Amino acid sequence: MIDANVFKGIINVTKRMTYTNVTKILENSDQKIVEEYKQYINEFKKMEELATILEKKRKTEGSLNLEIPETKIILNENGQAIKVGKYELTFANTIIEQFMLIANETIAEKFYWLEAPFVYRVHEVPDLEKVQELNKFLFDFGYKIKGNKEKLHPKEFSKILEEIKEKPENRVISTLILRTLKVAKYENQNKGHFGIASKYYCHFTSPIRRYPDLFIHRMISYYLERDYQVKEDWKEQYVNIAENVAMHSSEREKVAQKVERDSIDLKKAEYMQDKIGEIYSGIISSVTNFGIFVELENTIEGLIRFENLGENEYFIYDDEHKHLIGEKTNKIYKLGDTINIQVLEANKQTRKIGFAKVADNI
């Protein structure tokens, strides 16, 4: 970052773009699209170069790249789920992500030093106890996160994420690291963002869909209109308002995320309703004291209860290592194991999907 300026501007849209078309241009994979947008190609190439520089710098600083795929659900004209799979990300997504991150950081740092009433996006350092729990599991794979209460750096997490990138345990370890981290929230005090290894961070780039961003835009406008000459009594009043806005936004975000998860689970169950009896291969994504959860390649997850494991024995749950151990056979089920399943049930009302284990040679 060389310099930055904040001003009110107007965006003139000359051409509507999509991630798909930008990807085709960058990869030179569709001559019709390349020809259609030829006057913009140099700009896209510069964007690609800059995003690559920003991403590399961010990785060096320890930003966590948790490769946990989002679910993409295709609906028919009646709103029924007809396809479920991973949401595929391209470098076109990365360009927008990197540009938004740097904009958010720049605004957060500028208004932090102005001591403005503000809403920051805060992601605090994880609890050491949780990291120690994670290390017990990572030990089985030969990894360890180093650090203590005074010094725990995101680089320790990002090193492991880089190492496991192409390995079978990638999905499981990434998920466990995510569960170890604290939940990001909104606060009127800047406490940094551990996940992206940033000292100053806010949500500024989506004022049309997020209230914290809108609040920030209003604060920026107020400062710009007064050439940054703001009275102290106004500041004091809006510091309290910012605190309430942050608290309210964090609470509503939790509700919104739950609704989003529930709606996705509902559509996943709907999609699996006509797949009863079908056999798939998946990986064990979670082990509990009542059964194991298995995730399929298309991100759909279902529960195998003990009675559906196909073993005529009692299983002991090892909470420390997240294992199930057969009392008689010593058969072990652990996170990351590949397992064949048959779909037993899919209930749209409860949003639950049930599996049964089937023989490995099917």
Protein backbone atom coordinates (compact mmCIF):
# COMPACT_ATOMS: atom_id res chain seq x y z
CA MET A 1 0.00 0.00 0.00
CA ILE A 2 1.58 3.26 -1.16
CA ASP A 3 -1.21 5.74 -0.54
CA ALA A 4 -4.98 5.94 -0.08
CA ASN A 5 -7.66 8.57 -0.43
CA VAL A 6 -11.26 8.56 0.76
CA PHE A 7 -13.85 10.50 -1.23
CA LYS A 8 -17.42 10.38 -2.47
CA GLY A 9 -17.52 9.19 -6.06
CA ILE A 10 -19.83 7.94 -8.77
CA ILE A 11 -19.27 4.61 -10.47
CA ASN A 12 -20.17 4.60 -14.17
CA VAL A 13 -20.94 1.03 -15.21
CA THR A 14 -20.00 0.50 -18.84
CA LYS A 15 -20.21 -3.29 -18.94
CA ARG A 16 -21.72 -5.93 -16.71
CA MET A 17 -19.28 -8.71 -15.86
CA THR A 18 -19.57 -12.12 -14.22
CA TYR A 19 -16.97 -14.24 -12.40
CA THR A 20 -17.42 -16.87 -15.14
CA ASN A 21 -16.65 -14.46 -17.98
CA VAL A 22 -13.67 -12.89 -16.20
CA THR A 23 -12.28 -16.40 -15.63
CA LYS A 24 -12.67 -17.18 -19.35
CA ILE A 25 -10.81 -13.98 -20.21
CA LEU A 26 -7.95 -14.66 -17.76
CA GLU A 27 -7.63 -18.25 -18.98
CA ASN A 28 -8.15 -17.25 -22.64
CA SER A 29 -10.54 -20.19 -22.87
CA ASP A 30 -13.46 -18.69 -24.82
CA GLN A 31 -12.58 -16.62 -27.88
CA LYS A 32 -16.11 -15.25 -28.23
CA ILE A 33 -16.00 -13.81 -24.68
CA VAL A 34 -12.42 -12.59 -25.16
CA GLU A 35 -13.48 -10.74 -28.34
CA GLU A 36 -16.56 -9.25 -26.68
CA TYR A 37 -14.53 -7.75 -23.82
CA LYS A 38 -11.24 -7.10 -25.67
CA GLN A 39 -11.13 -3.39 -24.71
CA TYR A 40 -11.01 -4.39 -21.02
CA ILE A 41 -8.56 -7.30 -21.21
CA ASN A 42 -5.49 -5.26 -20.18
CA GLU A 43 -7.39 -4.01 -17.12
CA PHE A 44 -8.31 -7.55 -16.11
CA LYS A 45 -4.69 -8.66 -16.54
CA LYS A 46 -3.56 -5.82 -14.24
CA MET A 47 -6.23 -6.83 -11.72
CA GLU A 48 -4.97 -10.41 -11.85
CA GLU A 49 -1.37 -9.27 -11.28
CA LEU A 50 -2.29 -7.00 -8.37
CA ALA A 51 -4.54 -9.60 -6.71
CA THR A 52 -1.67 -12.13 -6.96
CA ILE A 53 0.68 -9.67 -5.20
CA LEU A 54 -1.87 -8.92 -2.47
CA GLU A 55 -2.66 -12.60 -1.91
CA LYS A 56 1.04 -13.52 -1.65
CA LYS A 57 1.63 -10.71 0.86
CA ARG A 58 -1.38 -11.78 2.90
CA LYS A 59 -0.16 -15.40 3.01
CA THR A 60 3.29 -14.21 4.17
CA GLU A 61 1.65 -12.32 7.03
CA GLY A 62 -0.18 -15.49 8.14
CA SER A 63 -3.71 -15.08 6.78
CA LEU A 64 -5.66 -18.33 7.15
CA ASN A 65 -6.87 -19.93 3.94
CA LEU A 66 -9.52 -22.37 5.17
CA GLU A 67 -10.53 -24.34 2.10
CA ILE A 68 -13.97 -25.38 3.29
CA PRO A 69 -16.27 -25.41 0.27
CA GLU A 70 -19.61 -23.66 0.38
CA THR A 71 -22.68 -25.49 -0.87
CA LYS A 72 -24.32 -24.56 -4.16
CA ILE A 73 -27.93 -25.70 -4.58
CA ILE A 74 -29.69 -25.62 -7.96
CA LEU A 75 -33.49 -25.33 -7.85
CA ASN A 76 -36.03 -26.08 -10.56
CA GLU A 77 -38.86 -23.74 -11.58
CA ASN A 78 -40.93 -25.03 -8.64
CA GLY A 79 -38.20 -24.23 -6.12
CA GLN A 80 -37.22 -27.87 -5.54
CA ALA A 81 -33.56 -28.86 -5.13
CA ILE A 82 -32.38 -30.76 -8.23
CA LYS A 83 -28.61 -30.52 -7.73
CA VAL A 84 -26.32 -30.06 -4.74
CA GLY A 85 -22.58 -29.56 -5.01
CA LYS A 86 -19.58 -27.44 -4.07
CA TYR A 87 -19.57 -23.76 -4.96
CA GLU A 88 -16.56 -23.53 -7.27
CA LEU A 89 -14.30 -20.54 -6.69
CA THR A 90 -12.02 -19.13 -9.41
CA PHE A 91 -9.28 -16.51 -9.47
CA ALA A 92 -11.94 -13.99 -10.49
CA ASN A 93 -13.41 -14.48 -6.99
CA THR A 94 -9.94 -13.98 -5.50
CA ILE A 95 -9.53 -10.64 -7.33
CA ILE A 96 -12.69 -9.23 -5.77
CA GLU A 97 -11.86 -10.73 -2.36
CA GLN A 98 -8.35 -9.24 -2.26
CA PHE A 99 -9.55 -5.80 -3.39
CA MET A 100 -12.32 -5.80 -0.78
CA LEU A 101 -9.96 -6.87 2.01
CA ILE A 102 -7.49 -4.07 1.28
CA ALA A 103 -10.33 -1.50 1.09
CA ASN A 104 -11.75 -2.70 4.43
CA GLU A 105 -8.32 -2.57 6.11
CA THR A 106 -7.53 0.89 4.74
CA ILE A 107 -10.79 2.40 5.97
CA ALA A 108 -10.48 0.68 9.39
CA GLU A 109 -6.92 1.94 9.94
CA LYS A 110 -7.67 5.51 8.84
CA PHE A 111 -10.69 5.91 11.11
CA TYR A 112 -9.00 4.11 14.00
CA TRP A 113 -6.30 6.80 14.09
CA LEU A 114 -8.99 9.49 13.81
CA GLU A 115 -10.56 7.94 16.94
CA ALA A 116 -13.89 8.07 15.14
CA PRO A 117 -17.05 6.37 16.42
CA PHE A 118 -16.82 3.17 14.40
CA VAL A 119 -17.85 -0.47 14.03
CA TYR A 120 -14.94 -2.89 13.55
CA ARG A 121 -15.00 -6.50 12.46
CA VAL A 122 -13.19 -8.24 15.30
CA HIS A 123 -11.72 -11.74 15.34
CA GLU A 124 -9.83 -12.37 18.57
CA VAL A 125 -6.98 -14.78 19.28
CA PRO A 126 -8.32 -18.31 20.02
CA ASP A 127 -8.36 -19.67 23.57
CA LEU A 128 -5.18 -21.57 24.43
CA GLU A 129 -7.26 -24.42 25.95
CA LYS A 130 -9.00 -24.93 22.60
CA VAL A 131 -5.67 -24.89 20.76
CA GLN A 132 -4.34 -27.54 23.17
CA GLU A 133 -7.42 -29.67 22.43
CA LEU A 134 -6.80 -29.25 18.71
CA ASN A 135 -3.15 -30.26 19.16
CA LYS A 136 -4.22 -33.59 20.69
CA PHE A 137 -5.97 -34.38 17.42
CA LEU A 138 -3.24 -32.92 15.17
CA PHE A 139 -0.64 -35.09 16.95
CA ASP A 140 -2.08 -38.18 15.18
CA PHE A 141 -1.21 -36.56 11.83
CA GLY A 142 2.23 -35.33 12.89
CA TYR A 143 1.33 -31.64 13.24
CA LYS A 144 1.44 -29.17 16.12
CA ILE A 145 0.46 -25.53 16.63
CA LYS A 146 3.15 -23.80 18.68
CA GLY A 147 2.46 -20.85 20.94
CA ASN A 148 1.41 -19.75 24.39
CA LYS A 149 -1.13 -17.42 25.97
CA GLU A 150 1.04 -14.35 25.31
CA LYS A 151 2.11 -15.31 21.80
CA LEU A 152 -0.16 -17.20 19.41
CA HIS A 153 0.30 -16.14 15.78
CA PRO A 154 -1.99 -17.00 12.84
CA LYS A 155 1.13 -18.11 10.92
CA GLU A 156 1.17 -21.27 13.06
CA PHE A 157 -2.27 -22.18 11.71
CA SER A 158 -1.57 -21.08 8.13
CA LYS A 159 1.62 -23.24 7.98
CA ILE A 160 -0.43 -26.35 8.74
CA LEU A 161 -3.17 -25.36 6.28
CA GLU A 162 -0.50 -24.99 3.58
CA GLU A 163 1.01 -28.41 4.41
CA ILE A 164 -2.31 -30.28 4.24
CA LYS A 165 -3.52 -28.57 1.04
CA GLU A 166 -3.29 -31.64 -1.22
CA LYS A 167 -3.68 -34.29 1.50
CA PRO A 168 -6.76 -36.41 2.33
CA GLU A 169 -6.98 -34.95 5.85
CA ASN A 170 -7.33 -31.38 4.47
CA ARG A 171 -11.11 -31.13 4.87
CA VAL A 172 -11.22 -32.52 8.41
CA ILE A 173 -8.26 -30.54 9.79
CA SER A 174 -9.54 -27.32 8.17
CA THR A 175 -12.95 -27.86 9.81
CA LEU A 176 -11.38 -28.53 13.22
CA ILE A 177 -9.22 -25.40 12.95
CA LEU A 178 -12.36 -23.42 12.11
CA ARG A 179 -14.09 -24.82 15.23
CA THR A 180 -11.03 -23.88 17.33
CA LEU A 181 -11.10 -20.26 16.21
CA LYS A 182 -13.33 -17.73 17.90
CA VAL A 183 -16.40 -16.40 16.12
CA ALA A 184 -15.87 -13.05 14.40
CA LYS A 185 -18.17 -10.27 15.60
CA TYR A 186 -18.78 -6.54 15.44
CA GLU A 187 -17.40 -4.22 18.13
CA ASN A 188 -16.87 -0.48 18.50
CA GLN A 189 -13.31 -1.14 19.71
CA ASN A 190 -10.60 -2.28 17.30
CA LYS A 191 -9.08 -5.61 18.42
CA GLY A 192 -7.72 -6.81 15.10
CA HIS A 193 -8.67 -9.79 12.97
CA PHE A 194 -6.78 -13.02 13.74
CA GLY A 195 -8.09 -14.99 10.74
CA ILE A 196 -6.77 -12.57 8.15
CA ALA A 197 -3.76 -11.54 10.26
CA SER A 198 -4.86 -7.91 10.20
CA LYS A 199 -4.35 -5.19 12.84
CA TYR A 200 -7.27 -3.09 11.58
CA TYR A 201 -10.37 -4.47 9.93
CA CYS A 202 -13.97 -3.48 9.30
CA HIS A 203 -16.85 -4.33 6.96
CA PHE A 204 -17.08 -1.36 4.63
CA THR A 205 -17.66 -2.78 1.13
CA SER A 206 -21.32 -3.89 1.27
CA PRO A 207 -23.50 -1.01 2.52
CA ILE A 208 -26.43 -2.20 0.38
CA ARG A 209 -26.71 -5.48 2.27
CA ARG A 210 -25.04 -5.11 5.69
CA TYR A 211 -25.96 -2.57 8.34
CA PRO A 212 -22.45 -2.26 9.89
CA ASP A 213 -21.17 -1.16 6.46
CA LEU A 214 -23.98 1.39 6.14
CA PHE A 215 -23.20 2.79 9.60
CA ILE A 216 -19.53 3.17 8.60
CA HIS A 217 -20.49 4.95 5.36
CA ARG A 218 -22.58 7.39 7.37
CA MET A 219 -19.65 8.06 9.71
CA ILE A 220 -17.27 8.60 6.77
CA SER A 221 -19.76 10.96 5.10
CA TYR A 222 -20.07 12.98 8.30
CA TYR A 223 -16.28 13.36 8.52
CA LEU A 224 -15.86 14.20 4.82
CA GLU A 225 -18.62 16.83 4.88
CA ARG A 226 -16.86 18.60 7.77
CA ASP A 227 -13.35 18.17 6.37
CA TYR A 228 -12.57 15.89 9.36
CA GLN A 229 -13.28 18.70 11.86
CA VAL A 230 -15.63 16.87 14.24
CA LYS A 231 -16.74 18.09 17.68
CA GLU A 232 -15.83 16.01 20.72
CA ASP A 233 -19.37 15.99 22.18
CA TRP A 234 -20.67 14.54 18.88
CA LYS A 235 -17.97 11.86 19.06
CA GLU A 236 -18.95 10.93 22.62
CA GLN A 237 -22.59 10.59 21.64
CA TYR A 238 -21.85 8.37 18.62
CA VAL A 239 -19.34 6.15 20.45
CA ASN A 240 -22.30 4.85 22.49
CA ILE A 241 -24.44 4.50 19.37
CA ALA A 242 -21.62 2.57 17.66
CA GLU A 243 -21.45 0.19 20.63
CA ASN A 244 -25.19 -0.53 20.38
CA VAL A 245 -25.02 -0.90 16.59
CA ALA A 246 -22.15 -3.40 16.90
CA MET A 247 -23.96 -5.45 19.55
CA HIS A 248 -27.25 -5.48 17.63
CA SER A 249 -25.52 -6.36 14.33
CA SER A 250 -23.65 -9.28 15.94
CA GLU A 251 -26.89 -10.65 17.39
CA ARG A 252 -28.78 -10.34 14.09
CA GLU A 253 -25.86 -11.92 12.22
CA LYS A 254 -26.18 -15.05 14.39
CA VAL A 255 -29.89 -15.26 13.58
CA ALA A 256 -29.26 -14.73 9.86
CA GLN A 257 -26.54 -17.41 9.78
CA LYS A 258 -28.82 -19.90 11.54
CA VAL A 259 -31.61 -19.22 9.06
CA GLU A 260 -29.16 -19.66 6.18
CA ARG A 261 -27.84 -22.96 7.58
CA ASP A 262 -31.37 -24.24 8.23
CA SER A 263 -32.52 -23.36 4.71
CA ILE A 264 -29.50 -25.13 3.18
CA ASP A 265 -30.06 -28.21 5.39
CA LEU A 266 -33.75 -28.24 4.41
CA LYS A 267 -32.89 -28.22 0.70
CA LYS A 268 -30.21 -30.89 1.18
CA ALA A 269 -32.74 -33.16 2.88
CA GLU A 270 -35.26 -32.43 0.11
CA TYR A 271 -32.65 -33.37 -2.51
CA MET A 272 -31.86 -36.67 -0.75
CA GLN A 273 -35.50 -37.75 -0.35
CA ASP A 274 -35.50 -39.68 -3.63
CA LYS A 275 -32.00 -41.11 -2.98
CA ILE A 276 -33.10 -43.51 -0.20
CA GLY A 277 -31.26 -46.82 -0.63
CA GLU A 278 -28.50 -45.37 -2.79
CA ILE A 279 -24.84 -45.98 -1.86
CA TYR A 280 -22.12 -43.32 -1.68
CA SER A 281 -18.58 -42.90 -0.39
CA GLY A 282 -17.82 -40.14 2.11
CA ILE A 283 -15.49 -39.10 4.89
CA ILE A 284 -16.13 -39.05 8.63
CA SER A 285 -16.54 -35.35 9.44
CA SER A 286 -17.50 -35.63 13.13
CA VAL A 287 -17.50 -38.29 15.86
CA THR A 288 -19.93 -38.02 18.76
CA ASN A 289 -21.15 -40.14 21.67
CA PHE A 290 -24.29 -41.06 19.68
CA GLY A 291 -22.84 -41.81 16.24
CA ILE A 292 -20.69 -40.49 13.41
CA PHE A 293 -21.39 -37.84 10.81
CA VAL A 294 -20.29 -38.56 7.25
CA GLU A 295 -19.87 -35.90 4.56
CA LEU A 296 -20.30 -36.79 0.90
CA GLU A 297 -18.36 -35.25 -1.99
CA ASN A 298 -21.29 -32.90 -2.73
CA THR A 299 -21.12 -31.42 0.86
CA ILE A 300 -24.23 -33.30 2.08
CA GLU A 301 -23.78 -34.64 5.62
CA GLY A 302 -25.69 -37.43 7.36
CA LEU A 303 -25.60 -39.26 10.69
CA ILE A 304 -24.81 -42.95 11.19
CA ARG A 305 -26.17 -43.98 14.57
CA PHE A 306 -24.40 -46.78 16.45
CA GLU A 307 -27.11 -49.30 15.54
CA ASN A 308 -26.51 -48.55 11.84
CA LEU A 309 -22.76 -49.13 11.89
CA GLY A 310 -23.33 -52.76 10.92
CA GLU A 311 -21.26 -54.06 13.81
CA ASN A 312 -22.80 -56.29 16.45
CA GLU A 313 -20.95 -54.72 19.36
CA TYR A 314 -20.71 -51.86 21.82
CA PHE A 315 -18.71 -48.75 20.86
CA ILE A 316 -16.71 -46.62 23.28
CA TYR A 317 -16.41 -42.91 22.52
CA ASP A 318 -12.89 -41.48 22.99
CA ASP A 319 -13.54 -37.75 23.34
CA GLU A 320 -9.85 -36.76 23.50
CA HIS A 321 -8.97 -38.25 20.11
CA LYS A 322 -12.49 -38.06 18.62
CA HIS A 323 -12.53 -41.84 17.99
CA LEU A 324 -15.07 -44.62 18.29
CA ILE A 325 -13.55 -47.92 19.43
CA GLY A 326 -15.30 -51.29 19.17
CA GLU A 327 -15.26 -53.03 22.59
CA LYS A 328 -14.75 -56.54 21.15
CA THR A 329 -13.03 -56.00 17.79
CA ASN A 330 -11.12 -52.79 18.62
CA LYS A 331 -12.44 -51.47 15.30
CA ILE A 332 -11.74 -47.70 15.22
CA TYR A 333 -13.74 -44.99 13.47
CA LYS A 334 -11.97 -41.64 13.38
CA LEU A 335 -12.18 -38.24 11.72
CA GLY A 336 -11.08 -38.23 8.08
CA ASP A 337 -11.68 -41.95 7.48
CA THR A 338 -13.32 -42.88 4.17
CA ILE A 339 -16.50 -44.89 4.60
CA ASN A 340 -19.21 -46.30 2.33
CA ILE A 341 -22.78 -45.46 3.31
CA GLN A 342 -26.34 -46.15 2.24
CA VAL A 343 -28.98 -43.43 2.54
CA LEU A 344 -31.55 -44.51 5.17
CA GLU A 345 -33.73 -41.44 5.56
CA ALA A 346 -34.07 -37.80 4.59
CA ASN A 347 -36.59 -35.67 6.43
CA LYS A 348 -37.29 -32.23 5.03
CA GLN A 349 -39.28 -31.14 8.11
CA THR A 350 -36.53 -31.95 10.63
CA ARG A 351 -33.74 -31.20 8.10
CA LYS A 352 -32.04 -34.46 9.11
CA ILE A 353 -30.39 -37.10 6.91
CA GLY A 354 -29.62 -40.62 8.15
CA PHE A 355 -27.04 -43.06 6.77
CA ALA A 356 -26.07 -46.68 7.41
CA LYS A 357 -22.58 -48.09 6.96
CA VAL A 358 -22.17 -50.64 4.18
CA ALA A 359 -19.35 -53.04 3.38
CA ASP A 360 -16.13 -51.48 2.06
CA ASN A 361 -16.00 -53.71 -1.02
CA ILE A 362 -19.34 -52.52 -2.46
